[in-house]
Amino acid sequence: MSIAIKLSDELAQDAKLYANVTHRSVPKQIEYWSRIGKLAEENPDLPFSFIQETLLAIEESKNPATLTEYQFGN
């Protein structure tokens, strides 16, 4: 479901800048910020870098070719 929302010009400009750097569209950049913010609010004790790396690991796990079995004791 998509809905139209009004955003401040300042937020839109910031999103455009970050979107260009990260090769995302402006709406995808805002969705990313929203997702990170939601996760940070739900997990206030976790640092941003941990949340970001967890999201990356989730995406990587969707591609079985990139997975390797962890060997304990090595």
PDB file of N, CA and C in Angstrom:
ATOM      1  N   MET A   1       0.844  -1.172   0.000  1.00  0.00           N
ATOM      2  CA  MET A   1       0.000   0.000   0.000  1.00  0.00           C
ATOM      3  C   MET A   1       0.890   1.237   0.000  1.00  0.00           C
ATOM      4  N   SER A   2       0.610   2.155  -0.853  1.00  0.00           N
ATOM      5  CA  SER A   2       1.351   3.413  -0.850  1.00  0.00           C
ATOM      6  C   SER A   2       0.360   4.552  -0.636  1.00  0.00           C
ATOM      7  N   ILE A   3       0.838   5.557   0.086  1.00  0.00           N
ATOM      8  CA  ILE A   3       0.019   6.736   0.337  1.00  0.00           C
ATOM      9  C   ILE A   3       0.869   7.972   0.092  1.00  0.00           C
ATOM     10  N   ALA A   4       0.220   9.059  -0.222  1.00  0.00           N
ATOM     11  CA  ALA A   4       0.931  10.325  -0.419  1.00  0.00           C
ATOM     12  C   ALA A   4       1.052  11.027   0.932  1.00  0.00           C
ATOM     13  N   ILE A   5       2.242  11.531   1.219  1.00  0.00           N
ATOM     14  CA  ILE A   5       2.455  12.284   2.449  1.00  0.00           C
ATOM     15  C   ILE A   5       3.212  13.562   2.120  1.00  0.00           C
ATOM     16  N   LYS A   6       3.044  14.563   2.964  1.00  0.00           N
ATOM     17  CA  LYS A   6       3.774  15.810   2.782  1.00  0.00           C
ATOM     18  C   LYS A   6       5.003  15.787   3.672  1.00  0.00           C
ATOM     19  N   LEU A   7       6.131  16.150   3.100  1.00  0.00           N
ATOM     20  CA  LEU A   7       7.391  16.219   3.827  1.00  0.00           C
ATOM     21  C   LEU A   7       7.936  17.633   3.717  1.00  0.00           C
ATOM     22  N   SER A   8       8.711  18.018   4.698  1.00  0.00           N
ATOM     23  CA  SER A   8       9.339  19.337   4.627  1.00  0.00           C
ATOM     24  C   SER A   8      10.359  19.345   3.495  1.00  0.00           C
ATOM     25  N   ASP A   9      10.580  20.523   2.949  1.00  0.00           N
ATOM     26  CA  ASP A   9      11.585  20.668   1.891  1.00  0.00           C
ATOM     27  C   ASP A   9      12.969  20.276   2.410  1.00  0.00           C
ATOM     28  N   GLU A  10      13.239  20.609   3.672  1.00  0.00           N
ATOM     29  CA  GLU A  10      14.542  20.281   4.259  1.00  0.00           C
ATOM     30  C   GLU A  10      14.762  18.767   4.319  1.00  0.00           C
ATOM     31  N   LEU A  11      13.755  18.025   4.750  1.00  0.00           N
ATOM     32  CA  LEU A  11      13.882  16.568   4.807  1.00  0.00           C
ATOM     33  C   LEU A  11      14.052  15.997   3.401  1.00  0.00           C
ATOM     34  N   ALA A  12      13.285  16.500   2.456  1.00  0.00           N
ATOM     35  CA  ALA A  12      13.385  16.009   1.079  1.00  0.00           C
ATOM     36  C   ALA A  12      14.776  16.268   0.501  1.00  0.00           C
ATOM     37  N   GLN A  13      15.337  17.439   0.779  1.00  0.00           N
ATOM     38  CA  GLN A  13      16.675  17.756   0.282  1.00  0.00           C
ATOM     39  C   GLN A  13      17.735  16.872   0.937  1.00  0.00           C
ATOM     40  N   ASP A  14      17.616  16.666   2.249  1.00  0.00           N
ATOM     41  CA  ASP A  14      18.548  15.768   2.942  1.00  0.00           C
ATOM     42  C   ASP A  14      18.453  14.355   2.376  1.00  0.00           C
ATOM     43  N   ALA A  15      17.235  13.897   2.175  1.00  0.00           N
ATOM     44  CA  ALA A  15      17.035  12.546   1.632  1.00  0.00           C
ATOM     45  C   ALA A  15      17.628  12.428   0.240  1.00  0.00           C
ATOM     46  N   LYS A  16      17.486  13.464  -0.561  1.00  0.00           N
ATOM     47  CA  LYS A  16      18.033  13.447  -1.927  1.00  0.00           C
ATOM     48  C   LYS A  16      19.553  13.334  -1.884  1.00  0.00           C
ATOM     49  N   LEU A  17      20.185  14.090  -0.997  1.00  0.00           N
ATOM     50  CA  LEU A  17      21.639  14.047  -0.854  1.00  0.00           C
ATOM     51  C   LEU A  17      22.107  12.637  -0.464  1.00  0.00           C
ATOM     52  N   TYR A  18      21.511  12.085   0.583  1.00  0.00           N
ATOM     53  CA  TYR A  18      21.897  10.743   1.030  1.00  0.00           C
ATOM     54  C   TYR A  18      21.536   9.680   0.002  1.00  0.00           C
ATOM     55  N   ALA A  19      20.411   9.859  -0.679  1.00  0.00           N
ATOM     56  CA  ALA A  19      20.005   8.900  -1.702  1.00  0.00           C
ATOM     57  C   ALA A  19      21.032   8.839  -2.828  1.00  0.00           C
ATOM     58  N   ASN A  20      21.540   9.984  -3.219  1.00  0.00           N
ATOM     59  CA  ASN A  20      22.561  10.011  -4.273  1.00  0.00           C
ATOM     60  C   ASN A  20      23.824   9.286  -3.842  1.00  0.00           C
ATOM     61  N   VAL A  21      24.234   9.501  -2.608  1.00  0.00           N
ATOM     62  CA  VAL A  21      25.459   8.876  -2.099  1.00  0.00           C
ATOM     63  C   VAL A  21      25.299   7.362  -1.992  1.00  0.00           C
ATOM     64  N   THR A  22      24.132   6.907  -1.551  1.00  0.00           N
ATOM     65  CA  THR A  22      23.913   5.474  -1.317  1.00  0.00           C
ATOM     66  C   THR A  22      23.240   4.764  -2.494  1.00  0.00           C
ATOM     67  N   HIS A  23      23.051   5.490  -3.599  1.00  0.00           N
ATOM     68  CA  HIS A  23      22.453   4.922  -4.817  1.00  0.00           C
ATOM     69  C   HIS A  23      21.050   4.376  -4.568  1.00  0.00           C
ATOM     70  N   ARG A  24      20.275   5.142  -3.810  1.00  0.00           N
ATOM     71  CA  ARG A  24      18.873   4.801  -3.572  1.00  0.00           C
ATOM     72  C   ARG A  24      18.013   5.901  -4.189  1.00  0.00           C
ATOM     73  N   SER A  25      16.743   5.589  -4.376  1.00  0.00           N
ATOM     74  CA  SER A  25      15.796   6.641  -4.742  1.00  0.00           C
ATOM     75  C   SER A  25      15.476   7.428  -3.472  1.00  0.00           C
ATOM     76  N   VAL A  26      14.930   8.619  -3.627  1.00  0.00           N
ATOM     77  CA  VAL A  26      14.561   9.422  -2.456  1.00  0.00           C
ATOM     78  C   VAL A  26      13.526   8.683  -1.600  1.00  0.00           C
ATOM     79  N   PRO A  27      12.470   8.109  -2.180  1.00  0.00           N
ATOM     80  CA  PRO A  27      11.524   7.370  -1.332  1.00  0.00           C
ATOM     81  C   PRO A  27      12.171   6.181  -0.609  1.00  0.00           C
ATOM     82  N   LYS A  28      13.071   5.473  -1.284  1.00  0.00           N
ATOM     83  CA  LYS A  28      13.748   4.341  -0.633  1.00  0.00           C
ATOM     84  C   LYS A  28      14.655   4.819   0.498  1.00  0.00           C
ATOM     85  N   GLN A  29      15.283   5.989   0.326  1.00  0.00           N
ATOM     86  CA  GLN A  29      16.124   6.541   1.389  1.00  0.00           C
ATOM     87  C   GLN A  29      15.275   6.873   2.617  1.00  0.00           C
ATOM     88  N   ILE A  30      14.121   7.465   2.395  1.00  0.00           N
ATOM     89  CA  ILE A  30      13.238   7.797   3.504  1.00  0.00           C
ATOM     90  C   ILE A  30      12.706   6.529   4.161  1.00  0.00           C
ATOM     91  N   GLU A  31      12.389   5.502   3.371  1.00  0.00           N
ATOM     92  CA  GLU A  31      11.967   4.213   3.942  1.00  0.00           C
ATOM     93  C   GLU A  31      13.086   3.619   4.795  1.00  0.00           C
ATOM     94  N   TYR A  32      14.319   3.714   4.331  1.00  0.00           N
ATOM     95  CA  TYR A  32      15.465   3.197   5.072  1.00  0.00           C
ATOM     96  C   TYR A  32      15.594   3.918   6.413  1.00  0.00           C
ATOM     97  N   TRP A  33      15.555   5.258   6.378  1.00  0.00           N
ATOM     98  CA  TRP A  33      15.635   6.027   7.621  1.00  0.00           C
ATOM     99  C   TRP A  33      14.503   5.647   8.568  1.00  0.00           C
ATOM    100  N   SER A  34      13.330   5.449   8.014  1.00  0.00           N
ATOM    101  CA  SER A  34      12.175   5.084   8.837  1.00  0.00           C
ATOM    102  C   SER A  34      12.386   3.722   9.487  1.00  0.00           C
ATOM    103  N   ARG A  35      12.890   2.792   8.728  1.00  0.00           N
ATOM    104  CA  ARG A  35      13.124   1.439   9.258  1.00  0.00           C
ATOM    105  C   ARG A  35      14.192   1.459  10.354  1.00  0.00           C
ATOM    106  N   ILE A  36      15.293   2.167  10.104  1.00  0.00           N
ATOM    107  CA  ILE A  36      16.358   2.283  11.100  1.00  0.00           C
ATOM    108  C   ILE A  36      15.829   2.961  12.362  1.00  0.00           C
ATOM    109  N   GLY A  37      15.086   4.040  12.187  1.00  0.00           N
ATOM    110  CA  GLY A  37      14.531   4.762  13.329  1.00  0.00           C
ATOM    111  C   GLY A  37      13.586   3.906  14.144  1.00  0.00           C
ATOM    112  N   LYS A  38      12.750   3.142  13.483  1.00  0.00           N
ATOM    113  CA  LYS A  38      11.809   2.248  14.172  1.00  0.00           C
ATOM    114  C   LYS A  38      12.570   1.195  14.972  1.00  0.00           C
ATOM    115  N   LEU A  39      13.576   0.595  14.340  1.00  0.00           N
ATOM    116  CA  LEU A  39      14.362  -0.425  15.035  1.00  0.00           C
ATOM    117  C   LEU A  39      15.133   0.167  16.209  1.00  0.00           C
ATOM    118  N   ALA A  40      15.670   1.372  16.035  1.00  0.00           N
ATOM    119  CA  ALA A  40      16.402   2.025  17.123  1.00  0.00           C
ATOM    120  C   ALA A  40      15.462   2.344  18.289  1.00  0.00           C
ATOM    121  N   GLU A  41      14.251   2.775  17.966  1.00  0.00           N
ATOM    122  CA  GLU A  41      13.277   3.087  19.013  1.00  0.00           C
ATOM    123  C   GLU A  41      12.851   1.824  19.756  1.00  0.00           C
ATOM    124  N   GLU A  42      12.703   0.717  19.041  1.00  0.00           N
ATOM    125  CA  GLU A  42      12.305  -0.556  19.654  1.00  0.00           C
ATOM    126  C   GLU A  42      13.450  -1.199  20.439  1.00  0.00           C
ATOM    127  N   ASN A  43      14.692  -0.837  20.111  1.00  0.00           N
ATOM    128  CA  ASN A  43      15.886  -1.426  20.734  1.00  0.00           C
ATOM    129  C   ASN A  43      16.844  -0.318  21.161  1.00  0.00           C
ATOM    130  N   PRO A  44      16.482   0.456  22.173  1.00  0.00           N
ATOM    131  CA  PRO A  44      17.281   1.635  22.520  1.00  0.00           C
ATOM    132  C   PRO A  44      18.696   1.331  23.015  1.00  0.00           C
ATOM    133  N   ASP A  45      18.963   0.097  23.423  1.00  0.00           N
ATOM    134  CA  ASP A  45      20.287  -0.253  23.920  1.00  0.00           C
ATOM    135  C   ASP A  45      21.256  -0.667  22.812  1.00  0.00           C
ATOM    136  N   LEU A  46      20.752  -0.831  21.587  1.00  0.00           N
ATOM    137  CA  LEU A  46      21.614  -1.269  20.485  1.00  0.00           C
ATOM    138  C   LEU A  46      22.204  -0.073  19.754  1.00  0.00           C
ATOM    139  N   PRO A  47      23.494  -0.111  19.471  1.00  0.00           N
ATOM    140  CA  PRO A  47      24.089   0.981  18.686  1.00  0.00           C
ATOM    141  C   PRO A  47      23.635   0.912  17.229  1.00  0.00           C
ATOM    142  N   PHE A  48      23.656   2.067  16.581  1.00  0.00           N
ATOM    143  CA  PHE A  48      23.255   2.165  15.177  1.00  0.00           C
ATOM    144  C   PHE A  48      24.009   1.163  14.312  1.00  0.00           C
ATOM    145  N   SER A  49      25.319   1.056  14.524  1.00  0.00           N
ATOM    146  CA  SER A  49      26.133   0.167  13.682  1.00  0.00           C
ATOM    147  C   SER A  49      25.676  -1.284  13.805  1.00  0.00           C
ATOM    148  N   PHE A  50      25.254  -1.692  14.997  1.00  0.00           N
ATOM    149  CA  PHE A  50      24.768  -3.064  15.189  1.00  0.00           C
ATOM    150  C   PHE A  50      23.470  -3.280  14.412  1.00  0.00           C
ATOM    151  N   ILE A  51      22.566  -2.312  14.481  1.00  0.00           N
ATOM    152  CA  ILE A  51      21.303  -2.409  13.744  1.00  0.00           C
ATOM    153  C   ILE A  51      21.576  -2.478  12.250  1.00  0.00           C
ATOM    154  N   GLN A  52      22.462  -1.627  11.776  1.00  0.00           N
ATOM    155  CA  GLN A  52      22.802  -1.584  10.353  1.00  0.00           C
ATOM    156  C   GLN A  52      23.425  -2.909   9.893  1.00  0.00           C
ATOM    157  N   GLU A  53      24.354  -3.438  10.670  1.00  0.00           N
ATOM    158  CA  GLU A  53      25.004  -4.701  10.308  1.00  0.00           C
ATOM    159  C   GLU A  53      24.019  -5.877  10.377  1.00  0.00           C
ATOM    160  N   THR A  54      23.069  -5.822  11.300  1.00  0.00           N
ATOM    161  CA  THR A  54      22.049  -6.869  11.390  1.00  0.00           C
ATOM    162  C   THR A  54      21.168  -6.861  10.147  1.00  0.00           C
ATOM    163  N   LEU A  55      20.766  -5.673   9.700  1.00  0.00           N
ATOM    164  CA  LEU A  55      19.968  -5.575   8.476  1.00  0.00           C
ATOM    165  C   LEU A  55      20.749  -6.102   7.275  1.00  0.00           C
ATOM    166  N   LEU A  56      22.036  -5.795   7.220  1.00  0.00           N
ATOM    167  CA  LEU A  56      22.882  -6.295   6.144  1.00  0.00           C
ATOM    168  C   LEU A  56      22.961  -7.825   6.194  1.00  0.00           C
ATOM    169  N   ALA A  57      23.136  -8.385   7.388  1.00  0.00           N
ATOM    170  CA  ALA A  57      23.217  -9.838   7.536  1.00  0.00           C
ATOM    171  C   ALA A  57      21.918 -10.513   7.108  1.00  0.00           C
ATOM    172  N   ILE A  58      20.798  -9.899   7.425  1.00  0.00           N
ATOM    173  CA  ILE A  58      19.500 -10.457   7.009  1.00  0.00           C
ATOM    174  C   ILE A  58      19.416 -10.516   5.489  1.00  0.00           C
ATOM    175  N   GLU A  59      19.825  -9.434   4.830  1.00  0.00           N
ATOM    176  CA  GLU A  59      19.797  -9.412   3.368  1.00  0.00           C
ATOM    177  C   GLU A  59      20.765 -10.434   2.774  1.00  0.00           C
ATOM    178  N   GLU A  60      21.956 -10.533   3.355  1.00  0.00           N
ATOM    179  CA  GLU A  60      22.937 -11.512   2.865  1.00  0.00           C
ATOM    180  C   GLU A  60      22.436 -12.939   3.027  1.00  0.00           C
ATOM    181  N   SER A  61      21.691 -13.203   4.079  1.00  0.00           N
ATOM    182  CA  SER A  61      21.203 -14.562   4.329  1.00  0.00           C
ATOM    183  C   SER A  61      20.149 -14.991   3.315  1.00  0.00           C
ATOM    184  N   LYS A  62      19.600 -14.059   2.580  1.00  0.00           N
ATOM    185  CA  LYS A  62      18.603 -14.382   1.564  1.00  0.00           C
ATOM    186  C   LYS A  62      19.239 -14.975   0.314  1.00  0.00           C
ATOM    187  N   ASN A  63      20.576 -14.902   0.206  1.00  0.00           N
ATOM    188  CA  ASN A  63      21.292 -15.454  -0.940  1.00  0.00           C
ATOM    189  C   ASN A  63      22.117 -16.651  -0.451  1.00  0.00           C
ATOM    190  N   PRO A  64      21.617 -17.865  -0.615  1.00  0.00           N
ATOM    191  CA  PRO A  64      22.313 -19.052  -0.092  1.00  0.00           C
ATOM    192  C   PRO A  64      23.737 -19.207  -0.603  1.00  0.00           C
ATOM    193  N   ALA A  65      24.049 -18.661  -1.755  1.00  0.00           N
ATOM    194  CA  ALA A  65      25.403 -18.794  -2.316  1.00  0.00           C
ATOM    195  C   ALA A  65      26.435 -18.066  -1.467  1.00  0.00           C
ATOM    196  N   THR A  66      26.020 -17.085  -0.686  1.00  0.00           N
ATOM    197  CA  THR A  66      26.961 -16.322   0.133  1.00  0.00           C
ATOM    198  C   THR A  66      27.122 -16.898   1.537  1.00  0.00           C
ATOM    199  N   LEU A  67      26.349 -17.927   1.865  1.00  0.00           N
ATOM    200  CA  LEU A  67      26.394 -18.479   3.213  1.00  0.00           C
ATOM    201  C   LEU A  67      27.453 -19.567   3.333  1.00  0.00           C
ATOM    202  N   THR A  68      28.142 -19.574   4.462  1.00  0.00           N
ATOM    203  CA  THR A  68      29.071 -20.655   4.779  1.00  0.00           C
ATOM    204  C   THR A  68      28.787 -21.116   6.200  1.00  0.00           C
ATOM    205  N   GLU A  69      28.993 -22.392   6.441  1.00  0.00           N
ATOM    206  CA  GLU A  69      28.749 -22.947   7.770  1.00  0.00           C
ATOM    207  C   GLU A  69      29.862 -22.513   8.717  1.00  0.00           C
ATOM    208  N   TYR A  70      29.466 -22.083   9.900  1.00  0.00           N
ATOM    209  CA  TYR A  70      30.441 -21.675  10.897  1.00  0.00           C
ATOM    210  C   TYR A  70      31.043 -22.919  11.536  1.00  0.00           C
ATOM    211  N   GLN A  71      32.374 -22.937  11.640  1.00  0.00           N
ATOM    212  CA  GLN A  71      33.082 -24.062  12.250  1.00  0.00           C
ATOM    213  C   GLN A  71      33.527 -23.664  13.664  1.00  0.00           C
ATOM    214  N   PHE A  72      32.977 -24.295  14.663  1.00  0.00           N
ATOM    215  CA  PHE A  72      33.343 -24.009  16.050  1.00  0.00           C
ATOM    216  C   PHE A  72      34.724 -24.547  16.347  1.00  0.00           C
ATOM    217  N   GLY A  73      35.487 -23.824  17.161  1.00  0.00           N
ATOM    218  CA  GLY A  73      36.777 -24.305  17.618  1.00  0.00           C
ATOM    219  C   GLY A  73      37.926 -24.075  16.656  1.00  0.00           C
ATOM    220  N   ASN A  74      37.710 -23.409  15.589  1.00  0.00           N
ATOM    221  CA  ASN A  74      38.806 -23.160  14.626  1.00  0.00           C
ATOM    222  C   ASN A  74      39.374 -21.796  14.812  1.00  0.00           C
TER     223      ASN A  74
END
